[in-house]
Amino acid sequence: MDIAEQLDNLAGTNHLVLVEFYADWSPHYEWLEPVVKTYEKQVSDVIKVNIVEDKAVADSFNIETAPAFILLHRGHELWRQVGELTMGELKDVLDEFR
């Protein structure tokens, strides 16, 4: 299943979906997964999108640089951050949309 299909499938759920846009030259946010696990009742998944390899998906969200993060619910964008993100900032966002 490709990323676009995953996003379509998750849009049908009542969970939040965190989309992480990255590139091979940008830092990977390995710490995201444990944070999301603590909020797993609200967040169903972290979808990682390589903005070079999955350019069509990145373009569909108007993402041109990495890192970038988007929080979706039923396919609708609730929040967006382009640039660095700290663990505390992510926790605050997830708390806000509980």
N, C-alpha and C. Protein backbone atom coordinates (compact mmCIF):
# COMPACT_ATOMS: atom_id res chain seq x y z
N MET A 1 0.86 -1.18 0.00
CA MET A 1 0.00 0.00 0.00
C MET A 1 0.90 1.24 0.00
N ASP A 2 0.63 2.18 -0.91
CA ASP A 2 1.46 3.37 -0.93
C ASP A 2 0.93 4.42 0.06
N ILE A 3 1.67 5.50 0.19
CA ILE A 3 1.35 6.51 1.20
C ILE A 3 0.00 7.17 0.94
N ALA A 4 -0.30 7.46 -0.32
CA ALA A 4 -1.59 8.09 -0.64
C ALA A 4 -2.74 7.18 -0.23
N GLU A 5 -2.61 5.87 -0.46
CA GLU A 5 -3.65 4.91 -0.06
C GLU A 5 -3.77 4.86 1.47
N GLN A 6 -2.63 4.88 2.17
CA GLN A 6 -2.66 4.88 3.63
C GLN A 6 -3.42 6.09 4.14
N LEU A 7 -3.12 7.26 3.58
CA LEU A 7 -3.79 8.48 4.02
C LEU A 7 -5.29 8.42 3.73
N ASP A 8 -5.65 7.88 2.57
CA ASP A 8 -7.07 7.73 2.24
C ASP A 8 -7.77 6.81 3.24
N ASN A 9 -7.13 5.69 3.56
CA ASN A 9 -7.72 4.73 4.51
C ASN A 9 -7.87 5.36 5.89
N LEU A 10 -6.84 6.09 6.34
CA LEU A 10 -6.88 6.70 7.66
C LEU A 10 -7.88 7.85 7.73
N ALA A 11 -8.19 8.46 6.60
CA ALA A 11 -9.18 9.55 6.57
C ALA A 11 -10.56 9.05 6.96
N GLY A 12 -10.78 7.75 6.82
CA GLY A 12 -12.06 7.16 7.18
C GLY A 12 -12.18 6.80 8.65
N THR A 13 -11.10 6.99 9.41
CA THR A 13 -11.14 6.68 10.84
C THR A 13 -11.42 7.95 11.64
N ASN A 14 -11.68 7.78 12.91
CA ASN A 14 -11.94 8.92 13.77
C ASN A 14 -10.69 9.32 14.56
N HIS A 15 -9.54 8.86 14.12
CA HIS A 15 -8.28 9.15 14.81
C HIS A 15 -7.55 10.30 14.14
N LEU A 16 -6.67 10.93 14.93
CA LEU A 16 -5.77 11.92 14.38
C LEU A 16 -4.62 11.18 13.68
N VAL A 17 -4.12 11.77 12.61
CA VAL A 17 -3.00 11.20 11.88
C VAL A 17 -1.93 12.28 11.78
N LEU A 18 -0.73 11.94 12.22
CA LEU A 18 0.39 12.87 12.13
C LEU A 18 1.21 12.50 10.90
N VAL A 19 1.37 13.47 9.99
CA VAL A 19 2.16 13.25 8.78
C VAL A 19 3.47 14.00 8.96
N GLU A 20 4.58 13.27 8.84
CA GLU A 20 5.91 13.84 8.96
C GLU A 20 6.54 13.87 7.57
N PHE A 21 6.86 15.06 7.10
CA PHE A 21 7.52 15.22 5.81
C PHE A 21 9.02 15.40 6.06
N TYR A 22 9.82 14.59 5.38
CA TYR A 22 11.26 14.64 5.59
C TYR A 22 11.97 14.47 4.25
N ALA A 23 13.27 14.69 4.28
CA ALA A 23 14.13 14.38 3.14
C ALA A 23 15.37 13.70 3.70
N ASP A 24 16.08 13.01 2.85
CA ASP A 24 17.25 12.28 3.34
C ASP A 24 18.27 13.20 4.00
N TRP A 25 18.29 14.47 3.59
CA TRP A 25 19.23 15.43 4.15
C TRP A 25 18.69 16.15 5.39
N SER A 26 17.43 15.93 5.73
CA SER A 26 16.85 16.59 6.91
C SER A 26 16.82 15.60 8.08
N PRO A 27 16.80 16.13 9.30
CA PRO A 27 16.80 15.22 10.45
C PRO A 27 15.53 14.37 10.51
N HIS A 28 15.70 13.14 10.93
CA HIS A 28 14.55 12.27 11.15
C HIS A 28 14.16 12.40 12.62
N TYR A 29 12.88 12.34 12.87
CA TYR A 29 12.38 12.57 14.22
C TYR A 29 11.96 11.24 14.84
N GLU A 30 12.97 10.44 15.20
CA GLU A 30 12.69 9.12 15.77
C GLU A 30 11.91 9.22 17.07
N TRP A 31 12.04 10.32 17.79
CA TRP A 31 11.35 10.48 19.07
C TRP A 31 9.85 10.67 18.90
N LEU A 32 9.38 10.92 17.66
CA LEU A 32 7.95 11.12 17.44
C LEU A 32 7.13 9.90 17.85
N GLU A 33 7.60 8.73 17.45
CA GLU A 33 6.82 7.50 17.67
C GLU A 33 6.46 7.29 19.15
N PRO A 34 7.42 7.39 20.08
CA PRO A 34 7.04 7.20 21.49
C PRO A 34 6.05 8.25 21.98
N VAL A 35 6.18 9.50 21.52
CA VAL A 35 5.23 10.54 21.93
C VAL A 35 3.84 10.17 21.42
N VAL A 36 3.77 9.76 20.17
CA VAL A 36 2.48 9.40 19.59
C VAL A 36 1.89 8.19 20.31
N LYS A 37 2.75 7.24 20.70
CA LYS A 37 2.25 6.06 21.42
C LYS A 37 1.55 6.46 22.72
N THR A 38 2.03 7.52 23.37
CA THR A 38 1.39 7.94 24.61
C THR A 38 0.02 8.56 24.34
N TYR A 39 -0.22 8.92 23.10
CA TYR A 39 -1.50 9.52 22.71
C TYR A 39 -2.26 8.61 21.75
N GLU A 40 -1.97 7.31 21.80
CA GLU A 40 -2.49 6.43 20.77
C GLU A 40 -4.00 6.32 20.73
N LYS A 41 -4.68 6.71 21.78
CA LYS A 41 -6.14 6.72 21.70
C LYS A 41 -6.63 7.78 20.72
N GLN A 42 -5.87 8.88 20.59
CA GLN A 42 -6.24 9.95 19.67
C GLN A 42 -5.52 9.84 18.32
N VAL A 43 -4.27 9.43 18.36
CA VAL A 43 -3.45 9.41 17.14
C VAL A 43 -3.33 7.97 16.66
N SER A 44 -3.76 7.72 15.43
CA SER A 44 -3.71 6.35 14.95
C SER A 44 -2.37 6.01 14.34
N ASP A 45 -1.69 6.98 13.77
CA ASP A 45 -0.47 6.63 13.06
C ASP A 45 0.38 7.84 12.77
N VAL A 46 1.66 7.58 12.57
CA VAL A 46 2.59 8.56 12.03
C VAL A 46 2.90 8.10 10.62
N ILE A 47 2.61 8.93 9.65
CA ILE A 47 2.92 8.61 8.26
C ILE A 47 4.14 9.44 7.87
N LYS A 48 5.19 8.78 7.43
CA LYS A 48 6.41 9.47 7.04
C LYS A 48 6.43 9.61 5.52
N VAL A 49 6.61 10.85 5.07
CA VAL A 49 6.60 11.14 3.64
C VAL A 49 7.93 11.75 3.25
N ASN A 50 8.67 11.07 2.38
CA ASN A 50 9.92 11.61 1.84
C ASN A 50 9.54 12.58 0.73
N ILE A 51 9.89 13.86 0.90
CA ILE A 51 9.42 14.88 -0.05
C ILE A 51 10.06 14.73 -1.43
N VAL A 52 11.14 13.95 -1.54
CA VAL A 52 11.76 13.70 -2.84
C VAL A 52 11.14 12.47 -3.49
N GLU A 53 11.09 11.35 -2.76
CA GLU A 53 10.58 10.10 -3.31
C GLU A 53 9.06 10.10 -3.45
N ASP A 54 8.37 10.80 -2.57
CA ASP A 54 6.90 10.87 -2.60
C ASP A 54 6.46 12.30 -2.91
N LYS A 55 7.05 12.86 -3.95
CA LYS A 55 6.82 14.27 -4.30
C LYS A 55 5.34 14.57 -4.55
N ALA A 56 4.62 13.65 -5.16
CA ALA A 56 3.20 13.89 -5.45
C ALA A 56 2.41 14.09 -4.16
N VAL A 57 2.70 13.29 -3.13
CA VAL A 57 2.01 13.43 -1.84
C VAL A 57 2.41 14.75 -1.19
N ALA A 58 3.71 15.06 -1.19
CA ALA A 58 4.18 16.33 -0.61
C ALA A 58 3.53 17.50 -1.35
N ASP A 59 3.48 17.43 -2.67
CA ASP A 59 2.86 18.50 -3.46
C ASP A 59 1.38 18.66 -3.13
N SER A 60 0.70 17.54 -2.88
CA SER A 60 -0.73 17.61 -2.59
C SER A 60 -1.01 18.37 -1.28
N PHE A 61 0.00 18.44 -0.41
CA PHE A 61 -0.11 19.20 0.84
C PHE A 61 0.64 20.53 0.76
N ASN A 62 1.14 20.87 -0.42
CA ASN A 62 1.93 22.10 -0.63
C ASN A 62 3.16 22.16 0.28
N ILE A 63 3.84 21.02 0.42
CA ILE A 63 5.06 20.96 1.22
C ILE A 63 6.25 20.99 0.27
N GLU A 64 7.12 21.98 0.48
CA GLU A 64 8.29 22.12 -0.38
C GLU A 64 9.60 21.96 0.38
N THR A 65 9.53 21.98 1.71
CA THR A 65 10.75 21.87 2.50
C THR A 65 10.53 20.91 3.66
N ALA A 66 11.63 20.40 4.18
CA ALA A 66 11.58 19.48 5.30
C ALA A 66 12.44 20.03 6.42
N PRO A 67 12.10 19.74 7.67
CA PRO A 67 10.95 18.94 8.08
C PRO A 67 9.66 19.77 8.08
N ALA A 68 8.56 19.05 7.98
CA ALA A 68 7.24 19.65 8.09
C ALA A 68 6.31 18.61 8.71
N PHE A 69 5.30 19.08 9.41
CA PHE A 69 4.38 18.18 10.11
C PHE A 69 2.96 18.67 9.91
N ILE A 70 2.05 17.75 9.67
CA ILE A 70 0.64 18.09 9.53
C ILE A 70 -0.16 17.11 10.37
N LEU A 71 -1.14 17.62 11.09
CA LEU A 71 -2.05 16.78 11.87
C LEU A 71 -3.39 16.77 11.14
N LEU A 72 -3.86 15.57 10.82
CA LEU A 72 -5.11 15.41 10.07
C LEU A 72 -6.16 14.70 10.90
N HIS A 73 -7.41 15.02 10.65
CA HIS A 73 -8.54 14.29 11.21
C HIS A 73 -9.57 14.15 10.10
N ARG A 74 -9.90 12.90 9.77
CA ARG A 74 -10.84 12.61 8.69
C ARG A 74 -10.44 13.31 7.39
N GLY A 75 -9.12 13.38 7.16
CA GLY A 75 -8.61 13.97 5.92
C GLY A 75 -8.51 15.48 5.93
N HIS A 76 -8.93 16.11 7.03
CA HIS A 76 -8.89 17.57 7.12
C HIS A 76 -7.71 18.01 7.97
N GLU A 77 -7.02 19.03 7.51
CA GLU A 77 -5.87 19.54 8.23
C GLU A 77 -6.29 20.35 9.45
N LEU A 78 -5.75 19.95 10.61
CA LEU A 78 -6.04 20.65 11.86
C LEU A 78 -4.90 21.59 12.26
N TRP A 79 -3.68 21.19 11.88
CA TRP A 79 -2.50 21.92 12.34
C TRP A 79 -1.36 21.63 11.38
N ARG A 80 -0.45 22.61 11.26
CA ARG A 80 0.70 22.46 10.37
C ARG A 80 1.89 23.17 10.99
N GLN A 81 3.05 22.55 10.88
CA GLN A 81 4.31 23.15 11.35
C GLN A 81 5.36 22.86 10.29
N VAL A 82 5.97 23.92 9.78
CA VAL A 82 7.09 23.76 8.86
C VAL A 82 8.34 24.18 9.62
N GLY A 83 9.33 23.31 9.66
CA GLY A 83 10.55 23.57 10.41
C GLY A 83 10.63 22.68 11.63
N GLU A 84 11.61 22.96 12.45
CA GLU A 84 11.89 22.14 13.63
C GLU A 84 10.68 22.04 14.55
N LEU A 85 10.59 20.92 15.23
CA LEU A 85 9.51 20.67 16.19
C LEU A 85 10.12 20.00 17.41
N THR A 86 9.77 20.51 18.59
CA THR A 86 10.28 19.87 19.81
C THR A 86 9.23 18.89 20.35
N MET A 87 9.66 18.02 21.22
CA MET A 87 8.74 17.07 21.84
C MET A 87 7.64 17.81 22.60
N GLY A 88 8.02 18.87 23.31
CA GLY A 88 7.04 19.64 24.07
C GLY A 88 5.99 20.28 23.17
N GLU A 89 6.44 20.81 22.03
CA GLU A 89 5.49 21.43 21.09
C GLU A 89 4.51 20.39 20.56
N LEU A 90 5.01 19.21 20.23
CA LEU A 90 4.11 18.16 19.72
C LEU A 90 3.11 17.75 20.80
N LYS A 91 3.57 17.59 22.03
CA LYS A 91 2.66 17.22 23.12
C LYS A 91 1.57 18.27 23.30
N ASP A 92 1.96 19.56 23.22
CA ASP A 92 0.97 20.64 23.36
C ASP A 92 -0.08 20.57 22.26
N VAL A 93 0.35 20.31 21.03
CA VAL A 93 -0.58 20.22 19.91
C VAL A 93 -1.53 19.04 20.10
N LEU A 94 -0.98 17.89 20.48
CA LEU A 94 -1.83 16.71 20.67
C LEU A 94 -2.81 16.92 21.82
N ASP A 95 -2.37 17.58 22.88
CA ASP A 95 -3.28 17.91 23.99
C ASP A 95 -4.40 18.81 23.52
N GLU A 96 -4.07 19.78 22.68
CA GLU A 96 -5.04 20.74 22.19
C GLU A 96 -6.17 20.06 21.39
N PHE A 97 -5.83 19.02 20.65
CA PHE A 97 -6.82 18.36 19.80
C PHE A 97 -7.39 17.08 20.39
N ARG A 98 -7.16 16.84 21.67
CA ARG A 98 -7.69 15.64 22.34
C ARG A 98 -9.17 15.53 22.17
